[in-house]
Amino acid sequence: MKTLTVYSSQGGNTRKLAEELFKQLPEEKSIAPVAEAPNPSGYDVICVGFWLKGGQPDPAAQEYLKKCSGKVFLFATHGAAPGSDYAKMGMNKAVELIAGATIAGSFSCQGEVAPKVLETAANKDPQPPWLADAPAAKGHPNGNDFMNLSEALIAAGLKSKADKSSGCIIEGSHAM
């Protein structure tokens, strides 16, 4: 299975998640930031990662998602609480953008929000809905997020259960 992992990352959170996802994928695989991503045709599976801006995938990821067809796995980072309406809204928008594709699965988790972004958001009126959840995003994505990503890849059929522990050794800045 030939797999392409493409990601858009503003503060490094989605890049971390993309790198972990890439480590956990078996077989022939490639990874690229969205600005350098190849045409998605010719791949059996395309994994697309993005950060949320205004309750939807960031603009660069939106443009790439529109090019995707076939089997797609979506992943995202955000300041909002996991499973929140805001997080669901962003993932639903991504699904809309790839209307002709088959969704293999999806995963999202919190990502630490930069202090400057928090300050800007706090000064808005009204404040964005994710702002109250942002303090809990500190340190994410982390080892627990990576283990949950592994489970999502297994559920999507992109990784076998025998490979469950692959990529879940947490070292360095990713350690909890």
N, C-alpha and C. Protein backbone atom coordinates (compact mmCIF):
# COMPACT_ATOMS: atom_id res chain seq x y z
N MET A 1 0.86 -1.17 0.00
CA MET A 1 0.00 0.00 0.00
C MET A 1 0.90 1.24 0.00
N LYS A 2 0.71 2.11 -0.97
CA LYS A 2 1.50 3.33 -1.10
C LYS A 2 0.74 4.46 -0.40
N THR A 3 1.36 5.04 0.64
CA THR A 3 0.70 6.03 1.49
C THR A 3 1.45 7.35 1.47
N LEU A 4 0.69 8.43 1.39
CA LEU A 4 1.23 9.78 1.44
C LEU A 4 0.68 10.48 2.67
N THR A 5 1.56 11.06 3.47
CA THR A 5 1.16 11.88 4.62
C THR A 5 1.51 13.33 4.30
N VAL A 6 0.49 14.18 4.32
CA VAL A 6 0.65 15.61 4.04
C VAL A 6 0.13 16.36 5.25
N TYR A 7 0.83 17.43 5.63
CA TYR A 7 0.38 18.17 6.81
C TYR A 7 0.62 19.66 6.64
N SER A 8 -0.22 20.42 7.32
CA SER A 8 -0.06 21.86 7.44
C SER A 8 0.06 22.15 8.93
N SER A 9 1.09 22.89 9.30
CA SER A 9 1.34 23.12 10.72
C SER A 9 1.80 24.55 10.94
N GLN A 10 1.11 25.24 11.82
CA GLN A 10 1.48 26.63 12.12
C GLN A 10 2.47 26.70 13.28
N GLY A 11 2.19 25.98 14.35
CA GLY A 11 3.04 26.05 15.54
C GLY A 11 3.83 24.78 15.81
N GLY A 12 3.75 23.80 14.94
CA GLY A 12 4.50 22.56 15.11
C GLY A 12 3.69 21.39 15.63
N ASN A 13 2.47 21.62 16.12
CA ASN A 13 1.66 20.53 16.67
C ASN A 13 1.25 19.51 15.62
N THR A 14 0.75 19.98 14.50
CA THR A 14 0.30 19.06 13.45
C THR A 14 1.50 18.35 12.83
N ARG A 15 2.63 19.04 12.74
CA ARG A 15 3.85 18.39 12.24
C ARG A 15 4.24 17.22 13.15
N LYS A 16 4.21 17.43 14.48
CA LYS A 16 4.52 16.35 15.43
C LYS A 16 3.59 15.16 15.22
N LEU A 17 2.30 15.45 15.07
CA LEU A 17 1.32 14.39 14.86
C LEU A 17 1.58 13.67 13.53
N ALA A 18 1.90 14.44 12.49
CA ALA A 18 2.19 13.86 11.18
C ALA A 18 3.41 12.95 11.24
N GLU A 19 4.45 13.39 11.93
CA GLU A 19 5.66 12.58 12.04
C GLU A 19 5.38 11.29 12.80
N GLU A 20 4.56 11.36 13.84
CA GLU A 20 4.20 10.15 14.59
C GLU A 20 3.36 9.22 13.73
N LEU A 21 2.40 9.77 13.03
CA LEU A 21 1.55 8.96 12.13
C LEU A 21 2.44 8.27 11.10
N PHE A 22 3.35 9.01 10.50
CA PHE A 22 4.25 8.47 9.49
C PHE A 22 5.08 7.31 10.05
N LYS A 23 5.61 7.46 11.27
CA LYS A 23 6.39 6.38 11.89
C LYS A 23 5.55 5.12 12.06
N GLN A 24 4.28 5.29 12.33
CA GLN A 24 3.43 4.14 12.61
C GLN A 24 2.90 3.44 11.36
N LEU A 25 2.97 4.08 10.22
CA LEU A 25 2.46 3.47 9.00
C LEU A 25 3.44 2.43 8.47
N PRO A 26 2.92 1.29 8.03
CA PRO A 26 3.78 0.28 7.43
C PRO A 26 3.96 0.55 5.94
N GLU A 27 4.81 -0.24 5.32
CA GLU A 27 4.94 -0.30 3.87
C GLU A 27 5.50 0.97 3.23
N GLU A 28 5.27 1.12 1.94
CA GLU A 28 5.79 2.24 1.16
C GLU A 28 5.07 3.53 1.55
N LYS A 29 5.85 4.55 1.95
CA LYS A 29 5.23 5.76 2.46
C LYS A 29 6.10 6.98 2.19
N SER A 30 5.44 8.15 2.12
CA SER A 30 6.10 9.44 1.93
C SER A 30 5.45 10.45 2.86
N ILE A 31 6.19 11.50 3.21
CA ILE A 31 5.65 12.56 4.06
C ILE A 31 6.14 13.90 3.51
N ALA A 32 5.26 14.91 3.57
CA ALA A 32 5.63 16.24 3.09
C ALA A 32 4.74 17.30 3.71
N PRO A 33 5.32 18.48 3.99
CA PRO A 33 4.45 19.61 4.37
C PRO A 33 3.60 19.98 3.16
N VAL A 34 2.44 20.55 3.41
CA VAL A 34 1.49 20.82 2.34
C VAL A 34 2.10 21.70 1.24
N ALA A 35 2.97 22.62 1.59
CA ALA A 35 3.58 23.50 0.59
C ALA A 35 4.48 22.74 -0.40
N GLU A 36 4.95 21.56 -0.01
CA GLU A 36 5.84 20.75 -0.84
C GLU A 36 5.20 19.44 -1.27
N ALA A 37 3.92 19.27 -0.99
CA ALA A 37 3.25 17.98 -1.21
C ALA A 37 3.07 17.67 -2.70
N PRO A 38 3.30 16.42 -3.05
CA PRO A 38 3.07 16.02 -4.43
C PRO A 38 1.57 15.88 -4.73
N ASN A 39 1.28 15.71 -5.98
CA ASN A 39 -0.10 15.44 -6.39
C ASN A 39 -0.54 14.15 -5.70
N PRO A 40 -1.73 14.13 -5.12
CA PRO A 40 -2.16 12.93 -4.38
C PRO A 40 -2.54 11.74 -5.26
N SER A 41 -2.71 11.94 -6.56
CA SER A 41 -3.04 10.79 -7.41
C SER A 41 -1.84 9.85 -7.44
N GLY A 42 -2.11 8.59 -7.54
CA GLY A 42 -1.03 7.61 -7.55
C GLY A 42 -0.74 7.01 -6.18
N TYR A 43 -1.44 7.48 -5.16
CA TYR A 43 -1.28 6.92 -3.82
C TYR A 43 -2.53 6.14 -3.45
N ASP A 44 -2.35 5.04 -2.73
CA ASP A 44 -3.49 4.24 -2.29
C ASP A 44 -4.23 4.91 -1.14
N VAL A 45 -3.47 5.57 -0.26
CA VAL A 45 -4.04 6.27 0.89
C VAL A 45 -3.35 7.61 1.04
N ILE A 46 -4.14 8.65 1.30
CA ILE A 46 -3.59 9.97 1.58
C ILE A 46 -4.02 10.34 2.99
N CYS A 47 -3.04 10.65 3.85
CA CYS A 47 -3.31 11.10 5.21
C CYS A 47 -3.07 12.61 5.21
N VAL A 48 -4.09 13.38 5.55
CA VAL A 48 -3.97 14.84 5.50
C VAL A 48 -4.20 15.41 6.89
N GLY A 49 -3.21 16.17 7.37
CA GLY A 49 -3.27 16.80 8.68
C GLY A 49 -3.36 18.30 8.58
N PHE A 50 -4.11 18.89 9.49
CA PHE A 50 -4.33 20.33 9.47
C PHE A 50 -4.57 20.85 10.87
N TRP A 51 -4.51 22.16 11.01
CA TRP A 51 -4.87 22.85 12.25
C TRP A 51 -6.15 23.61 11.96
N LEU A 52 -6.89 23.90 13.00
CA LEU A 52 -8.17 24.58 12.81
C LEU A 52 -8.02 26.09 12.90
N LYS A 53 -8.65 26.75 11.98
CA LYS A 53 -8.70 28.22 11.96
C LYS A 53 -10.15 28.61 11.70
N GLY A 54 -10.77 29.23 12.67
CA GLY A 54 -12.16 29.64 12.50
C GLY A 54 -13.11 28.46 12.36
N GLY A 55 -12.79 27.35 13.01
CA GLY A 55 -13.68 26.19 12.98
C GLY A 55 -13.59 25.36 11.71
N GLN A 56 -12.52 25.52 10.95
CA GLN A 56 -12.34 24.73 9.74
C GLN A 56 -10.84 24.52 9.49
N PRO A 57 -10.50 23.58 8.59
CA PRO A 57 -9.08 23.38 8.30
C PRO A 57 -8.44 24.68 7.82
N ASP A 58 -7.16 24.85 8.13
CA ASP A 58 -6.44 26.05 7.69
C ASP A 58 -6.50 26.16 6.16
N PRO A 59 -6.32 27.36 5.63
CA PRO A 59 -6.48 27.58 4.18
C PRO A 59 -5.59 26.69 3.29
N ALA A 60 -4.33 26.50 3.65
CA ALA A 60 -3.45 25.67 2.82
C ALA A 60 -3.95 24.23 2.76
N ALA A 61 -4.38 23.71 3.90
CA ALA A 61 -4.90 22.33 3.94
C ALA A 61 -6.20 22.23 3.14
N GLN A 62 -7.04 23.25 3.22
CA GLN A 62 -8.29 23.23 2.45
C GLN A 62 -8.01 23.07 0.96
N GLU A 63 -7.04 23.80 0.46
CA GLU A 63 -6.71 23.72 -0.97
C GLU A 63 -6.23 22.31 -1.33
N TYR A 64 -5.42 21.72 -0.47
CA TYR A 64 -4.92 20.36 -0.75
C TYR A 64 -6.03 19.33 -0.65
N LEU A 65 -6.89 19.47 0.35
CA LEU A 65 -7.99 18.51 0.52
C LEU A 65 -8.87 18.44 -0.73
N LYS A 66 -9.05 19.56 -1.39
CA LYS A 66 -9.88 19.61 -2.60
C LYS A 66 -9.30 18.75 -3.73
N LYS A 67 -8.01 18.45 -3.68
CA LYS A 67 -7.34 17.63 -4.70
C LYS A 67 -7.43 16.14 -4.41
N CYS A 68 -7.85 15.79 -3.21
CA CYS A 68 -7.82 14.40 -2.77
C CYS A 68 -9.03 13.60 -3.23
N SER A 69 -8.74 12.36 -3.61
CA SER A 69 -9.79 11.39 -3.92
C SER A 69 -9.27 10.04 -3.45
N GLY A 70 -10.05 9.02 -3.64
CA GLY A 70 -9.62 7.70 -3.17
C GLY A 70 -9.81 7.58 -1.67
N LYS A 71 -8.87 6.92 -1.01
CA LYS A 71 -8.96 6.65 0.42
C LYS A 71 -8.17 7.71 1.19
N VAL A 72 -8.84 8.39 2.14
CA VAL A 72 -8.22 9.49 2.88
C VAL A 72 -8.40 9.29 4.38
N PHE A 73 -7.32 9.55 5.13
CA PHE A 73 -7.35 9.57 6.59
C PHE A 73 -7.08 11.01 7.00
N LEU A 74 -7.96 11.58 7.81
CA LEU A 74 -7.85 12.97 8.25
C LEU A 74 -7.33 13.03 9.68
N PHE A 75 -6.45 14.00 9.95
CA PHE A 75 -6.01 14.23 11.33
C PHE A 75 -5.81 15.72 11.55
N ALA A 76 -6.07 16.14 12.79
CA ALA A 76 -6.04 17.57 13.09
C ALA A 76 -5.60 17.83 14.52
N THR A 77 -5.06 19.03 14.72
CA THR A 77 -4.78 19.54 16.06
C THR A 77 -5.53 20.86 16.23
N HIS A 78 -5.88 21.15 17.48
CA HIS A 78 -6.67 22.35 17.77
C HIS A 78 -6.57 22.68 19.25
N GLY A 79 -6.91 23.89 19.59
CA GLY A 79 -6.92 24.31 20.99
C GLY A 79 -8.17 23.88 21.73
N ALA A 80 -9.21 23.53 21.00
CA ALA A 80 -10.50 23.15 21.59
C ALA A 80 -10.40 21.81 22.31
N ALA A 81 -11.36 21.56 23.18
CA ALA A 81 -11.42 20.29 23.89
C ALA A 81 -11.67 19.15 22.90
N PRO A 82 -11.09 17.97 23.16
CA PRO A 82 -11.36 16.83 22.30
C PRO A 82 -12.86 16.52 22.28
N GLY A 83 -13.38 16.26 21.10
CA GLY A 83 -14.79 15.92 20.98
C GLY A 83 -15.73 17.11 21.09
N SER A 84 -15.19 18.32 21.21
CA SER A 84 -16.03 19.52 21.32
C SER A 84 -16.74 19.79 19.99
N ASP A 85 -17.79 20.58 20.04
CA ASP A 85 -18.49 20.96 18.81
C ASP A 85 -17.54 21.65 17.84
N TYR A 86 -16.64 22.48 18.36
CA TYR A 86 -15.68 23.20 17.53
C TYR A 86 -14.78 22.21 16.78
N ALA A 87 -14.26 21.22 17.48
CA ALA A 87 -13.40 20.22 16.86
C ALA A 87 -14.18 19.40 15.82
N LYS A 88 -15.40 19.02 16.15
CA LYS A 88 -16.23 18.26 15.21
C LYS A 88 -16.55 19.08 13.97
N MET A 89 -16.83 20.36 14.16
CA MET A 89 -17.15 21.24 13.05
C MET A 89 -15.97 21.31 12.07
N GLY A 90 -14.76 21.41 12.58
CA GLY A 90 -13.57 21.45 11.73
C GLY A 90 -13.38 20.18 10.93
N MET A 91 -13.57 19.04 11.59
CA MET A 91 -13.42 17.76 10.89
C MET A 91 -14.53 17.59 9.85
N ASN A 92 -15.75 18.00 10.18
CA ASN A 92 -16.85 17.91 9.22
C ASN A 92 -16.59 18.75 7.98
N LYS A 93 -15.99 19.92 8.15
CA LYS A 93 -15.65 20.78 7.01
C LYS A 93 -14.62 20.08 6.13
N ALA A 94 -13.65 19.42 6.74
CA ALA A 94 -12.65 18.68 5.96
C ALA A 94 -13.32 17.59 5.14
N VAL A 95 -14.26 16.89 5.74
CA VAL A 95 -14.99 15.83 5.03
C VAL A 95 -15.75 16.42 3.83
N GLU A 96 -16.36 17.57 4.02
CA GLU A 96 -17.07 18.23 2.91
C GLU A 96 -16.13 18.54 1.74
N LEU A 97 -14.91 18.94 2.04
CA LEU A 97 -13.95 19.32 1.01
C LEU A 97 -13.48 18.14 0.17
N ILE A 98 -13.58 16.93 0.70
CA ILE A 98 -13.17 15.73 -0.05
C ILE A 98 -14.38 14.85 -0.35
N ALA A 99 -15.42 15.49 -0.80
CA ALA A 99 -16.70 14.82 -1.01
C ALA A 99 -16.60 13.55 -1.85
N GLY A 100 -15.70 13.48 -2.82
CA GLY A 100 -15.60 12.30 -3.68
C GLY A 100 -14.72 11.20 -3.12
N ALA A 101 -14.09 11.42 -1.99
CA ALA A 101 -13.15 10.45 -1.42
C ALA A 101 -13.85 9.51 -0.45
N THR A 102 -13.17 8.42 -0.14
CA THR A 102 -13.61 7.49 0.89
C THR A 102 -12.83 7.83 2.16
N ILE A 103 -13.55 8.11 3.23
CA ILE A 103 -12.90 8.44 4.50
C ILE A 103 -12.50 7.14 5.18
N ALA A 104 -11.21 6.91 5.28
CA ALA A 104 -10.71 5.71 5.95
C ALA A 104 -10.87 5.84 7.45
N GLY A 105 -10.72 7.06 7.95
CA GLY A 105 -10.82 7.33 9.38
C GLY A 105 -10.37 8.74 9.66
N SER A 106 -10.42 9.10 10.94
CA SER A 106 -9.98 10.44 11.33
C SER A 106 -9.51 10.41 12.78
N PHE A 107 -8.74 11.44 13.11
CA PHE A 107 -8.23 11.59 14.47
C PHE A 107 -7.98 13.07 14.70
N SER A 108 -8.34 13.55 15.89
CA SER A 108 -7.96 14.91 16.26
C SER A 108 -7.63 14.94 17.74
N CYS A 109 -6.78 15.88 18.09
CA CYS A 109 -6.40 16.06 19.48
C CYS A 109 -6.04 17.52 19.70
N GLN A 110 -5.93 17.88 20.95
CA GLN A 110 -5.52 19.23 21.26
C GLN A 110 -4.05 19.43 20.88
N GLY A 111 -3.74 20.67 20.57
CA GLY A 111 -2.37 21.08 20.31
C GLY A 111 -2.13 22.36 21.09
N GLU A 112 -0.96 22.45 21.69
CA GLU A 112 -0.65 23.64 22.50
C GLU A 112 -0.76 24.91 21.66
N VAL A 113 -1.43 25.90 22.21
CA VAL A 113 -1.65 27.16 21.50
C VAL A 113 -0.57 28.16 21.92
N ALA A 114 0.03 28.80 20.93
CA ALA A 114 1.10 29.77 21.19
C ALA A 114 0.56 30.94 22.02
N PRO A 115 1.39 31.45 22.95
CA PRO A 115 0.95 32.57 23.79
C PRO A 115 0.44 33.78 23.00
N LYS A 116 1.07 34.10 21.88
CA LYS A 116 0.65 35.24 21.08
C LYS A 116 -0.76 35.01 20.51
N VAL A 117 -1.04 33.78 20.09
CA VAL A 117 -2.37 33.44 19.57
C VAL A 117 -3.40 33.55 20.69
N LEU A 118 -3.05 33.07 21.88
CA LEU A 118 -3.95 33.17 23.03
C LEU A 118 -4.26 34.62 23.37
N GLU A 119 -3.24 35.46 23.33
CA GLU A 119 -3.42 36.87 23.65
C GLU A 119 -4.34 37.54 22.63
N THR A 120 -4.11 37.26 21.36
CA THR A 120 -4.95 37.84 20.30
C THR A 120 -6.39 37.38 20.45
N ALA A 121 -6.58 36.10 20.71
CA ALA A 121 -7.93 35.54 20.85
C ALA A 121 -8.64 36.12 22.07
N ALA A 122 -7.90 36.32 23.15
CA ALA A 122 -8.50 36.86 24.38
C ALA A 122 -8.99 38.30 24.19
N ASN A 123 -8.39 39.01 23.26
CA ASN A 123 -8.77 40.41 23.01
C ASN A 123 -9.90 40.56 21.99
N LYS A 124 -10.37 39.46 21.44
CA LYS A 124 -11.47 39.52 20.48
C LYS A 124 -12.81 39.60 21.21
N ASP A 125 -13.75 40.23 20.54
CA ASP A 125 -15.12 40.29 21.08
C ASP A 125 -16.08 39.93 19.96
N PRO A 126 -16.72 38.78 20.03
CA PRO A 126 -16.65 37.81 21.12
C PRO A 126 -15.38 36.96 21.03
N GLN A 127 -15.03 36.35 22.14
CA GLN A 127 -13.88 35.46 22.16
C GLN A 127 -14.23 34.15 21.45
N PRO A 128 -13.24 33.52 20.79
CA PRO A 128 -13.51 32.26 20.10
C PRO A 128 -13.94 31.16 21.08
N PRO A 129 -14.78 30.24 20.63
CA PRO A 129 -15.31 29.21 21.52
C PRO A 129 -14.26 28.26 22.11
N TRP A 130 -13.12 28.12 21.47
CA TRP A 130 -12.08 27.20 21.94
C TRP A 130 -11.20 27.80 23.03
N LEU A 131 -11.28 29.11 23.23
CA LEU A 131 -10.34 29.79 24.13
C LEU A 131 -10.37 29.23 25.55
N ALA A 132 -11.54 28.92 26.07
CA ALA A 132 -11.64 28.39 27.44
C ALA A 132 -10.98 27.02 27.57
N ASP A 133 -10.91 26.28 26.47
CA ASP A 133 -10.30 24.94 26.49
C ASP A 133 -8.79 24.98 26.30
N ALA A 134 -8.26 26.09 25.79
CA ALA A 134 -6.86 26.17 25.40
C ALA A 134 -5.85 25.86 26.51
N PRO A 135 -6.08 26.27 27.77
CA PRO A 135 -5.08 25.93 28.79
C PRO A 135 -4.84 24.42 28.92
N ALA A 136 -5.85 23.62 28.70
CA ALA A 136 -5.70 22.17 28.79
C ALA A 136 -4.90 21.60 27.62
N ALA A 137 -4.68 22.40 26.59
CA ALA A 137 -3.93 21.94 25.42
C ALA A 137 -2.41 22.00 25.64
N LYS A 138 -1.98 22.63 26.73
CA LYS A 138 -0.54 22.76 27.00
C LYS A 138 0.11 21.37 27.04
N GLY A 139 1.20 21.23 26.28
CA GLY A 139 1.92 19.96 26.25
C GLY A 139 1.42 18.96 25.23
N HIS A 140 0.38 19.30 24.50
CA HIS A 140 -0.17 18.40 23.48
C HIS A 140 0.32 18.81 22.10
N PRO A 141 0.44 17.85 21.19
CA PRO A 141 0.16 16.44 21.36
C PRO A 141 1.24 15.76 22.21
N ASN A 142 0.80 14.74 22.94
CA ASN A 142 1.71 14.03 23.85
C ASN A 142 1.60 12.52 23.65
N GLY A 143 2.23 11.77 24.51
CA GLY A 143 2.25 10.32 24.39
C GLY A 143 0.88 9.68 24.36
N ASN A 144 -0.04 10.18 25.19
CA ASN A 144 -1.40 9.64 25.16
C ASN A 144 -2.07 9.91 23.81
N ASP A 145 -1.83 11.09 23.25
CA ASP A 145 -2.38 11.41 21.94
C ASP A 145 -1.82 10.45 20.88
N PHE A 146 -0.53 10.15 20.98
CA PHE A 146 0.09 9.25 20.02
C PHE A 146 -0.48 7.83 20.13
N MET A 147 -0.76 7.39 21.35
CA MET A 147 -1.38 6.07 21.52
C MET A 147 -2.80 6.06 20.95
N ASN A 148 -3.54 7.14 21.15
CA ASN A 148 -4.88 7.24 20.59
C ASN A 148 -4.84 7.30 19.06
N LEU A 149 -3.83 7.96 18.53
CA LEU A 149 -3.63 7.98 17.08
C LEU A 149 -3.40 6.56 16.56
N SER A 150 -2.60 5.80 17.27
CA SER A 150 -2.34 4.41 16.90
C SER A 150 -3.64 3.61 16.82
N GLU A 151 -4.50 3.80 17.81
CA GLU A 151 -5.80 3.11 17.81
C GLU A 151 -6.66 3.53 16.60
N ALA A 152 -6.60 4.83 16.26
CA ALA A 152 -7.37 5.31 15.11
C ALA A 152 -6.84 4.71 13.81
N LEU A 153 -5.52 4.55 13.71
CA LEU A 153 -4.94 3.94 12.51
C LEU A 153 -5.32 2.47 12.40
N ILE A 154 -5.36 1.78 13.52
CA ILE A 154 -5.80 0.37 13.53
C ILE A 154 -7.26 0.29 13.09
N ALA A 155 -8.11 1.14 13.67
CA ALA A 155 -9.53 1.15 13.32
C ALA A 155 -9.76 1.46 11.84
N ALA A 156 -8.88 2.28 11.26
CA ALA A 156 -9.00 2.66 9.85
C ALA A 156 -8.42 1.59 8.92
N GLY A 157 -7.80 0.57 9.49
CA GLY A 157 -7.20 -0.49 8.68
C GLY A 157 -5.87 -0.09 8.06
N LEU A 158 -5.24 0.94 8.59
CA LEU A 158 -3.97 1.42 8.05
C LEU A 158 -2.77 0.84 8.80
N LYS A 159 -3.05 0.16 9.88
CA LYS A 159 -2.02 -0.43 10.73
C LYS A 159 -2.61 -1.68 11.35
N SER A 160 -1.83 -2.74 11.43
CA SER A 160 -2.36 -3.96 12.03
C SER A 160 -2.22 -3.93 13.55
N LYS A 161 -3.03 -4.71 14.22
CA LYS A 161 -2.95 -4.77 15.69
C LYS A 161 -1.60 -5.28 16.14
N ALA A 162 -0.97 -6.12 15.32
CA ALA A 162 0.35 -6.64 15.66
C ALA A 162 1.38 -5.51 15.73
N ASP A 163 1.11 -4.41 15.01
CA ASP A 163 2.01 -3.26 15.02
C ASP A 163 1.61 -2.24 16.06
N LYS A 164 0.70 -2.58 16.95
CA LYS A 164 0.10 -1.62 17.88
C LYS A 164 1.13 -0.82 18.66
N SER A 165 2.23 -1.45 19.05
CA SER A 165 3.20 -0.72 19.87
C SER A 165 4.15 0.13 19.03
N SER A 166 4.15 -0.05 17.72
CA SER A 166 5.06 0.73 16.86
C SER A 166 4.82 2.21 17.04
N GLY A 167 5.89 2.94 17.21
CA GLY A 167 5.79 4.39 17.26
C GLY A 167 5.30 4.94 18.59
N CYS A 168 5.05 4.08 19.55
CA CYS A 168 4.51 4.59 20.82
C CYS A 168 5.58 4.73 21.90
N ILE A 169 6.84 4.56 21.53
CA ILE A 169 7.90 4.81 22.50
C ILE A 169 8.08 6.32 22.55
N ILE A 170 7.87 6.87 23.71
CA ILE A 170 7.87 8.31 23.87
C ILE A 170 9.21 8.75 24.43
N GLU A 171 9.89 9.61 23.68
CA GLU A 171 11.19 10.09 24.10
C GLU A 171 11.24 11.61 24.00
N GLY A 172 12.22 12.20 24.59
CA GLY A 172 12.52 13.62 24.43
C GLY A 172 11.36 14.52 24.73
N SER A 173 11.14 15.51 23.86
CA SER A 173 10.12 16.54 24.11
C SER A 173 8.71 15.99 24.04
N HIS A 174 8.53 14.76 23.50
CA HIS A 174 7.20 14.17 23.43
C HIS A 174 6.83 13.42 24.72
N ALA A 175 7.80 13.20 25.59
CA ALA A 175 7.52 12.44 26.82
C ALA A 175 6.58 13.23 27.73
N MET A 176 5.78 12.51 28.47
CA MET A 176 4.84 13.17 29.38
C MET A 176 5.51 13.44 30.71
